[in-house]
Amino acid sequence: MNLEPVIESLLDTDLYKFTMLQAFLHQFPGATGEYRFRCRNKPAVALCSFKKEIEAQIDHLCTLRMLPAELEYMSKLRFIKSDLVDYLDLFQFRRHFIRTGVSKGDPDSIDIVANGPLMHVMLFEIFILAIVSEVYFHGIGGTRHFAEGRERLRQKVGLLKEFGREPSLRHPYMFFDFGTRRRACRRWQEEVVTTFAREVPEFFRGTSNVDLARRHGLTPIGTMAHEYLQAHQAFGYRLRDFQKMALENWVKEYRGDLGIALTDTVTMDAFLADFDLYFAKLFDGLRHDSGDPFVWGEKALAHYEKLRIDSNTKMFAFSDSLDLGRTFEIYRGFASRVKVGFGVGTNLTNDLGIEALNIVMKLVSCNGNPVAKISDAPGKTLCGDETFMAYLKQVFGVPNNAQ
């Protein structure tokens, strides 16, 4: 391994991996799943050239265990139950559940597949993305880009302080770090997070990265991801009911905690058709992750109004390809009518003057059956089975030309 270890802690991942893991532990412990890696843009250097280093980093990842102090931290999160902490105490990645190779569809890329027990392989995702991103970052020049990154970070702090001089709307502005998966490197994410926490604590409210939250006394942020809802397509429910059952099972698990629901597993319109008065009262708010945020927000506000729910009691969390300027625009559009928060990722943790990798590692099957996401934005839809995708669209009344 030419680099120092990219991952040194099993908490160096997003909080929602643990919250989803707990729900699966209690309700579907025997489920299996398959996750596949994909790079959506063309790297400056072919990813296949980093295959050996990536494999060495995965080998190291599979040696790690939770430390006593980390387990103690997890046990103090009020929504984490003792049996999940016990599971994490026993947990260690098994190398035979993940394989790498040169991509058949693109010989310049790399193929990474994790297949096995869902409660095991689901935890690979964030670590693998962080490994690929950091190995690539060092391969194209690495830390020589830090000077540019620090200047851009300084400008971001300046923008936030300038924005803070504007008259505040009914609800305050807040943003969070959601940048673990596509960060330039672990060291840079930590510098970014600690800078914001120090310079603009009135706006910066936490991070999805559990390790950084623990070590720097920040609030860990996260609830559910698409994989949680997608898995319910394969848990034996009637397909038309999978979203309602996923939400119901979340409520059963957390009973009022972690109440932000993700809306775009099968388009916002299909989600709202399932998000009735019962769920709208139980959940604290909604997360936007694809499509026009203003169109999405107006639909959500109209839905709450139709249900006679005061939208000012709810939260909209925006997390789709944001930069700070975009968050300011969205804030001005909605913060007089609803609470708003912004999860900003790549633009915080990989903005160093070089193009970041647009990489994902998504659940493609569960219990041996295909699962799919029909996004509100082109390029984010993912499914390896066209027949299942067509059926899913038919069941939810999504047009065939939808992306």
Protein backbone atom coordinates (compact mmCIF):
# COMPACT_ATOMS: atom_id res chain seq x y z
CA MET A 1 0.00 0.00 0.00
CA ASN A 2 1.68 3.21 -1.20
CA LEU A 3 -0.61 5.59 0.69
CA GLU A 4 -1.23 5.72 4.41
CA PRO A 5 -4.57 4.08 5.26
CA VAL A 6 -7.51 6.03 3.90
CA ILE A 7 -9.86 4.59 6.54
CA GLU A 8 -8.67 4.33 10.13
CA SER A 9 -12.00 4.15 11.96
CA LEU A 10 -15.24 2.29 11.31
CA LEU A 11 -17.04 5.43 12.44
CA ASP A 12 -15.56 7.29 9.46
CA THR A 13 -18.84 6.92 7.58
CA ASP A 14 -22.27 8.52 7.38
CA LEU A 15 -24.68 8.29 10.31
CA TYR A 16 -27.52 6.98 8.16
CA LYS A 17 -25.60 3.78 7.53
CA PHE A 18 -26.00 2.95 11.21
CA THR A 19 -29.61 4.10 11.49
CA MET A 20 -30.62 1.99 8.49
CA LEU A 21 -28.52 -0.91 9.77
CA GLN A 22 -30.42 -0.84 13.06
CA ALA A 23 -33.78 -0.97 11.28
CA PHE A 24 -32.62 -3.96 9.22
CA LEU A 25 -31.15 -5.67 12.28
CA HIS A 26 -34.49 -5.56 14.06
CA GLN A 27 -36.80 -6.26 11.13
CA PHE A 28 -34.94 -8.00 8.29
CA PRO A 29 -31.75 -9.53 9.74
CA GLY A 30 -31.59 -12.33 7.15
CA ALA A 31 -31.79 -10.13 4.04
CA THR A 32 -29.11 -10.26 1.34
CA GLY A 33 -28.03 -7.53 -1.03
CA GLU A 34 -25.74 -6.55 -3.87
CA TYR A 35 -24.12 -3.14 -4.29
CA ARG A 36 -22.36 -1.96 -7.46
CA PHE A 37 -19.90 0.87 -7.95
CA ARG A 38 -20.28 3.35 -10.81
CA CYS A 39 -18.40 6.46 -11.91
CA ARG A 40 -20.72 8.92 -13.66
CA ASN A 41 -18.07 11.23 -15.14
CA LYS A 42 -14.81 10.69 -17.02
CA PRO A 43 -11.77 10.91 -14.74
CA ALA A 44 -8.61 12.73 -15.80
CA VAL A 45 -6.72 9.48 -15.13
CA ALA A 46 -8.26 6.07 -15.75
CA LEU A 47 -9.53 4.51 -12.52
CA CYS A 48 -8.25 1.10 -13.59
CA SER A 49 -4.71 2.39 -13.09
CA PHE A 50 -5.43 2.65 -9.34
CA LYS A 51 -6.85 -0.85 -8.98
CA LYS A 52 -3.99 -2.31 -6.91
CA GLU A 53 -3.95 0.61 -4.48
CA ILE A 54 -7.72 0.47 -4.08
CA GLU A 55 -7.53 -3.25 -3.37
CA ALA A 56 -4.80 -2.71 -0.78
CA GLN A 57 -6.97 -0.10 0.94
CA ILE A 58 -9.92 -2.50 0.98
CA ASP A 59 -7.65 -5.16 2.50
CA HIS A 60 -6.78 -2.71 5.27
CA LEU A 61 -10.44 -1.77 5.78
CA CYS A 62 -11.13 -5.44 6.47
CA THR A 63 -8.71 -5.43 9.42
CA LEU A 64 -10.53 -2.71 11.36
CA ARG A 65 -12.72 -3.16 14.43
CA MET A 66 -14.71 -0.72 16.54
CA LEU A 67 -12.75 0.71 19.47
CA PRO A 68 -14.20 0.85 23.00
CA ALA A 69 -14.43 4.65 22.93
CA GLU A 70 -16.28 4.48 19.60
CA LEU A 71 -18.74 1.94 20.90
CA GLU A 72 -19.33 4.08 23.97
CA TYR A 73 -20.07 7.08 21.77
CA MET A 74 -22.59 5.10 19.72
CA SER A 75 -24.28 3.85 22.88
CA LYS A 76 -24.90 7.44 24.01
CA LEU A 77 -26.87 8.37 20.88
CA ARG A 78 -30.44 8.20 22.15
CA PHE A 79 -31.81 6.48 19.04
CA ILE A 80 -29.15 3.72 18.99
CA LYS A 81 -30.11 0.57 20.87
CA SER A 82 -27.80 -1.67 22.84
CA ASP A 83 -28.06 -4.66 20.51
CA LEU A 84 -26.77 -2.59 17.58
CA VAL A 85 -23.77 -1.59 19.71
CA ASP A 86 -23.23 -5.28 20.48
CA TYR A 87 -23.38 -6.08 16.77
CA LEU A 88 -20.84 -3.34 16.00
CA ASP A 89 -18.58 -4.66 18.76
CA LEU A 90 -18.48 -8.00 16.90
CA PHE A 91 -18.36 -6.54 13.40
CA GLN A 92 -15.43 -6.86 11.01
CA PHE A 93 -15.57 -6.64 7.22
CA ARG A 94 -15.02 -9.94 5.38
CA ARG A 95 -12.99 -9.57 2.22
CA HIS A 96 -14.77 -12.35 0.35
CA PHE A 97 -17.98 -10.31 0.28
CA ILE A 98 -16.44 -7.69 -2.03
CA ARG A 99 -14.62 -8.09 -5.34
CA THR A 100 -12.88 -5.73 -7.73
CA GLY A 101 -11.98 -5.90 -11.38
CA VAL A 102 -11.71 -3.91 -14.58
CA SER A 103 -15.11 -2.76 -15.77
CA LYS A 104 -16.48 -4.74 -18.71
CA GLY A 105 -18.45 -1.76 -19.98
CA ASP A 106 -15.55 0.69 -19.66
CA PRO A 107 -12.00 -0.73 -19.67
CA ASP A 108 -10.69 2.52 -18.17
CA SER A 109 -12.93 2.19 -15.12
CA ILE A 110 -13.05 -0.26 -12.24
CA ASP A 111 -15.74 -2.71 -11.24
CA ILE A 112 -16.50 -3.07 -7.52
CA VAL A 113 -19.30 -5.35 -6.31
CA ALA A 114 -20.28 -6.15 -2.72
CA ASN A 115 -22.60 -9.14 -2.40
CA GLY A 116 -23.73 -10.98 0.71
CA PRO A 117 -25.72 -10.41 3.92
CA LEU A 118 -27.35 -6.98 3.66
CA MET A 119 -26.33 -6.07 7.20
CA HIS A 120 -22.71 -6.63 6.20
CA VAL A 121 -22.35 -5.41 2.63
CA MET A 122 -24.41 -2.25 3.10
CA LEU A 123 -21.62 -0.84 5.28
CA PHE A 124 -19.06 -1.05 2.47
CA GLU A 125 -20.56 1.80 0.42
CA ILE A 126 -19.26 5.00 2.03
CA PHE A 127 -15.86 3.49 2.82
CA ILE A 128 -15.36 2.28 -0.77
CA LEU A 129 -16.33 5.65 -2.24
CA ALA A 130 -14.02 7.49 0.15
CA ILE A 131 -11.19 5.08 -0.71
CA VAL A 132 -11.61 5.47 -4.47
CA SER A 133 -11.92 9.24 -4.19
CA GLU A 134 -8.81 9.65 -2.03
CA VAL A 135 -6.65 7.22 -4.00
CA TYR A 136 -7.61 9.10 -7.16
CA PHE A 137 -6.97 12.49 -5.51
CA HIS A 138 -3.45 11.52 -4.53
CA GLY A 139 -2.90 10.02 -7.97
CA ILE A 140 -3.55 13.34 -9.70
CA GLY A 141 -1.41 15.54 -7.50
CA GLY A 142 -2.93 15.32 -4.06
CA THR A 143 -1.90 17.82 -1.46
CA ARG A 144 -0.42 20.33 -3.92
CA HIS A 145 -4.03 21.40 -4.45
CA PHE A 146 -4.53 22.31 -0.77
CA ALA A 147 -3.49 25.94 -1.27
CA GLU A 148 -6.26 26.45 -3.82
CA GLY A 149 -8.68 24.57 -1.59
CA ARG A 150 -7.87 26.79 1.39
CA GLU A 151 -8.44 29.92 -0.66
CA ARG A 152 -11.82 28.60 -1.78
CA LEU A 153 -12.64 27.65 1.79
CA ARG A 154 -11.74 31.17 2.94
CA GLN A 155 -14.09 32.57 0.29
CA LYS A 156 -16.91 30.29 1.46
CA VAL A 157 -16.50 31.53 5.03
CA GLY A 158 -16.63 35.09 3.69
CA LEU A 159 -19.81 34.36 1.74
CA LEU A 160 -21.46 32.93 4.84
CA LYS A 161 -20.52 35.95 6.96
CA GLU A 162 -21.78 38.32 4.28
CA PHE A 163 -25.02 36.33 3.98
CA GLY A 164 -25.38 36.55 7.74
CA ARG A 165 -25.76 40.31 7.44
CA GLU A 166 -29.00 39.89 5.50
CA PRO A 167 -32.27 40.16 7.43
CA SER A 168 -33.19 36.73 8.74
CA LEU A 169 -36.41 35.14 7.55
CA ARG A 170 -38.84 33.38 9.86
CA HIS A 171 -36.63 30.31 10.14
CA PRO A 172 -32.82 30.37 10.51
CA TYR A 173 -30.33 29.27 7.87
CA MET A 174 -28.34 26.12 8.65
CA PHE A 175 -26.10 23.78 6.71
CA PHE A 176 -24.33 20.48 7.32
CA ASP A 177 -21.36 18.58 5.91
CA PHE A 178 -22.54 15.66 3.75
CA GLY A 179 -19.20 15.20 1.99
CA THR A 180 -17.62 11.96 3.23
CA ARG A 181 -18.30 9.84 0.15
CA ARG A 182 -16.63 12.12 -2.40
CA ARG A 183 -14.11 13.96 -0.27
CA ALA A 184 -10.66 14.69 -1.64
CA CYS A 185 -9.20 13.00 1.42
CA ARG A 186 -9.90 12.44 5.09
CA ARG A 187 -7.46 15.15 6.16
CA TRP A 188 -9.14 17.74 3.95
CA GLN A 189 -12.66 16.92 5.13
CA GLU A 190 -11.53 17.38 8.72
CA GLU A 191 -9.96 20.75 7.92
CA VAL A 192 -13.13 21.93 6.18
CA VAL A 193 -15.43 20.77 8.97
CA THR A 194 -13.36 22.25 11.78
CA THR A 195 -12.97 25.54 9.90
CA PHE A 196 -16.73 25.96 9.52
CA ALA A 197 -17.35 24.90 13.12
CA ARG A 198 -14.87 27.53 14.30
CA GLU A 199 -15.68 30.39 11.92
CA VAL A 200 -19.45 30.19 11.40
CA PRO A 201 -20.96 28.09 14.22
CA GLU A 202 -24.22 30.02 13.91
CA PHE A 203 -24.78 28.43 10.50
CA PHE A 204 -22.80 25.16 10.57
CA ARG A 205 -24.86 22.66 12.54
CA GLY A 206 -23.12 19.32 12.11
CA THR A 207 -21.77 16.58 9.88
CA SER A 208 -22.95 13.24 8.56
CA ASN A 209 -19.52 11.80 9.42
CA VAL A 210 -19.81 10.02 12.76
CA ASP A 211 -16.07 9.95 13.46
CA LEU A 212 -15.73 13.71 12.96
CA ALA A 213 -18.82 14.35 15.04
CA ARG A 214 -17.42 12.25 17.89
CA ARG A 215 -13.94 13.73 17.89
CA HIS A 216 -14.98 17.37 17.48
CA GLY A 217 -18.15 17.50 19.57
CA LEU A 218 -20.44 18.11 16.59
CA THR A 219 -23.97 16.91 15.94
CA PRO A 220 -24.11 13.77 13.75
CA ILE A 221 -26.70 14.24 10.98
CA GLY A 222 -28.63 11.62 9.02
CA THR A 223 -31.73 9.46 8.77
CA MET A 224 -32.37 7.26 5.71
CA ALA A 225 -31.03 6.77 2.18
CA HIS A 226 -32.55 5.37 -1.00
CA GLU A 227 -31.30 1.86 -0.24
CA TYR A 228 -33.57 1.68 2.80
CA LEU A 229 -36.69 2.30 0.72
CA GLN A 230 -35.45 0.27 -2.28
CA ALA A 231 -34.84 -2.79 -0.11
CA HIS A 232 -38.53 -2.76 0.78
CA GLN A 233 -39.26 -3.52 -2.87
CA ALA A 234 -37.86 -7.01 -2.15
CA PHE A 235 -39.13 -7.68 1.37
CA GLY A 236 -42.31 -9.45 0.29
CA TYR A 237 -44.74 -6.56 0.37
CA ARG A 238 -47.02 -5.73 -2.52
CA LEU A 239 -44.82 -3.52 -4.73
CA ARG A 240 -47.35 -0.71 -4.71
CA ASP A 241 -47.05 -0.58 -0.91
CA PHE A 242 -43.26 -0.62 -0.53
CA GLN A 243 -42.90 3.11 0.28
CA LYS A 244 -45.69 3.04 2.86
CA MET A 245 -44.20 -0.06 4.49
CA ALA A 246 -40.72 1.50 4.56
CA LEU A 247 -42.09 4.59 6.29
CA GLU A 248 -44.19 2.49 8.66
CA ASN A 249 -41.20 0.36 9.62
CA TRP A 250 -39.10 3.49 10.20
CA VAL A 251 -41.73 4.89 12.55
CA LYS A 252 -41.90 1.55 14.37
CA GLU A 253 -38.11 1.57 14.81
CA TYR A 254 -37.53 5.18 15.85
CA ARG A 255 -40.88 6.29 17.30
CA GLY A 256 -40.41 10.01 16.67
CA ASP A 257 -36.64 10.25 16.28
CA LEU A 258 -34.92 10.77 12.92
CA GLY A 259 -38.11 12.00 11.30
CA ILE A 260 -36.93 13.25 7.89
CA ALA A 261 -38.31 11.15 5.01
CA LEU A 262 -36.55 10.79 1.65
CA THR A 263 -38.92 11.51 -1.23
CA ASP A 264 -37.42 10.52 -4.59
CA THR A 265 -37.08 6.74 -4.65
CA VAL A 266 -39.96 6.61 -7.16
CA THR A 267 -40.43 10.34 -7.95
CA MET A 268 -41.83 13.03 -5.70
CA ASP A 269 -45.35 12.70 -7.10
CA ALA A 270 -45.50 8.98 -6.29
CA PHE A 271 -44.10 9.65 -2.84
CA LEU A 272 -46.71 12.28 -2.00
CA ALA A 273 -49.47 9.90 -3.10
CA ASP A 274 -48.30 7.60 -0.27
CA PHE A 275 -47.46 10.34 2.23
CA ASP A 276 -50.91 10.69 3.74
CA LEU A 277 -52.07 12.58 6.84
CA TYR A 278 -50.78 9.81 9.11
CA PHE A 279 -47.22 10.01 7.81
CA ALA A 280 -47.29 13.77 7.34
CA LYS A 281 -48.05 14.18 11.05
CA LEU A 282 -45.55 11.54 12.20
CA PHE A 283 -42.55 12.73 10.18
CA ASP A 284 -40.81 16.01 11.00
CA GLY A 285 -40.11 16.80 7.35
CA LEU A 286 -38.79 15.76 3.97
CA ARG A 287 -35.43 15.48 2.17
CA HIS A 288 -34.92 16.65 -1.40
CA ASP A 289 -32.23 14.82 -3.39
CA SER A 290 -33.12 15.23 -7.09
CA GLY A 291 -35.01 17.48 -9.48
CA ASP A 292 -35.75 21.20 -9.29
CA PRO A 293 -35.73 22.12 -5.57
CA PHE A 294 -38.22 24.94 -6.07
CA VAL A 295 -40.73 22.74 -7.90
CA TRP A 296 -40.24 20.05 -5.25
CA GLY A 297 -40.66 22.51 -2.39
CA GLU A 298 -43.85 24.02 -3.76
CA LYS A 299 -45.31 20.53 -4.22
CA ALA A 300 -44.46 19.66 -0.64
CA LEU A 301 -45.93 22.90 0.70
CA ALA A 302 -49.12 22.38 -1.30
CA HIS A 303 -49.36 18.85 0.08
CA TYR A 304 -49.09 20.06 3.68
CA GLU A 305 -51.65 22.77 2.98
CA LYS A 306 -54.05 20.21 1.51
CA LEU A 307 -53.66 18.15 4.69
CA ARG A 308 -54.19 21.29 6.83
CA ILE A 309 -50.76 20.97 8.42
CA ASP A 310 -48.83 24.14 9.29
CA SER A 311 -45.69 23.90 7.17
CA ASN A 312 -43.82 26.09 9.65
CA THR A 313 -43.74 23.09 11.98
CA LYS A 314 -41.92 21.01 9.34
CA MET A 315 -38.38 20.82 7.95
CA PHE A 316 -37.19 20.64 4.33
CA ALA A 317 -33.67 19.19 4.07
CA PHE A 318 -32.03 19.85 0.69
CA SER A 319 -29.05 17.71 -0.36
CA ASP A 320 -28.81 17.60 -4.16
CA SER A 321 -25.53 18.86 -5.69
CA LEU A 322 -25.51 22.04 -3.64
CA ASP A 323 -23.05 24.88 -3.34
CA LEU A 324 -23.45 27.71 -0.86
CA GLY A 325 -24.87 30.14 -3.42
CA ARG A 326 -27.60 27.67 -4.29
CA THR A 327 -28.44 27.16 -0.62
CA PHE A 328 -28.89 30.91 -0.20
CA GLU A 329 -31.33 31.00 -3.13
CA ILE A 330 -33.36 28.11 -1.77
CA TYR A 331 -33.36 29.60 1.72
CA ARG A 332 -34.75 32.88 0.42
CA GLY A 333 -37.45 30.97 -1.44
CA PHE A 334 -38.73 28.87 1.46
CA ALA A 335 -37.53 29.96 4.91
CA SER A 336 -40.52 32.22 5.54
CA ARG A 337 -42.83 29.21 5.16
CA VAL A 338 -40.92 26.17 6.42
CA LYS A 339 -37.77 25.28 8.35
CA VAL A 340 -34.89 24.57 5.98
CA GLY A 341 -31.50 22.90 6.22
CA PHE A 342 -28.85 22.08 3.64
CA GLY A 343 -26.59 19.04 3.38
CA VAL A 344 -23.66 20.12 1.21
CA GLY A 345 -21.24 17.47 0.01
CA THR A 346 -18.67 17.56 -2.78
CA ASN A 347 -18.63 21.36 -2.98
CA LEU A 348 -17.38 21.47 0.60
CA THR A 349 -15.00 18.52 0.80
CA ASN A 350 -13.64 18.26 -2.75
CA ASP A 351 -13.50 21.83 -4.06
CA LEU A 352 -9.80 22.28 -4.74
CA GLY A 353 -9.74 23.44 -8.35
CA ILE A 354 -9.81 19.95 -9.88
CA GLU A 355 -12.83 17.97 -11.04
CA ALA A 356 -14.07 15.57 -8.40
CA LEU A 357 -15.17 12.06 -9.23
CA ASN A 358 -18.93 11.65 -9.47
CA ILE A 359 -19.06 8.17 -7.99
CA VAL A 360 -21.82 6.09 -6.42
CA MET A 361 -22.19 2.59 -5.02
CA LYS A 362 -25.83 1.61 -5.07
CA LEU A 363 -28.03 -1.28 -4.02
CA VAL A 364 -29.08 -3.11 -7.22
CA SER A 365 -30.69 -6.24 -5.78
CA CYS A 366 -32.05 -7.50 -2.47
CA ASN A 367 -32.96 -11.06 -1.54
CA GLY A 368 -32.07 -12.07 -5.09
CA ASN A 369 -34.57 -9.67 -6.68
CA PRO A 370 -33.88 -6.43 -8.57
CA VAL A 371 -34.57 -3.09 -6.91
CA ALA A 372 -34.69 0.32 -8.55
CA LYS A 373 -34.77 4.05 -8.04
CA ILE A 374 -36.71 6.31 -10.41
CA SER A 375 -35.25 9.71 -9.69
CA ASP A 376 -36.67 13.17 -10.32
CA ALA A 377 -33.49 14.02 -12.25
CA PRO A 378 -31.83 12.56 -15.39
CA GLY A 379 -28.79 10.41 -14.66
CA LYS A 380 -29.75 9.42 -11.12
CA THR A 381 -32.11 6.59 -12.02
CA LEU A 382 -30.47 3.24 -11.37
CA CYS A 383 -31.55 -0.32 -12.15
CA GLY A 384 -29.88 -3.22 -13.92
CA ASP A 385 -33.15 -4.91 -14.87
CA GLU A 386 -35.16 -3.10 -17.55
CA THR A 387 -38.18 -5.39 -17.11
CA PHE A 388 -38.43 -4.61 -13.40
CA MET A 389 -37.94 -0.91 -14.08
CA ALA A 390 -40.81 -0.93 -16.59
CA TYR A 391 -43.02 -2.78 -14.10
CA LEU A 392 -42.16 -0.34 -11.30
CA LYS A 393 -43.09 2.60 -13.53
CA GLN A 394 -46.35 0.93 -14.45
CA VAL A 395 -47.28 0.23 -10.84
CA PHE A 396 -46.67 3.83 -9.77
CA GLY A 397 -48.01 5.47 -12.92
CA VAL A 398 -44.63 6.94 -13.89
CA PRO A 399 -44.36 7.80 -17.62
CA ASN A 400 -42.08 5.47 -19.60
CA ASN A 401 -39.94 8.42 -20.70
CA ALA A 402 -39.21 9.41 -17.09
CA GLN A 403 -35.52 9.35 -16.18
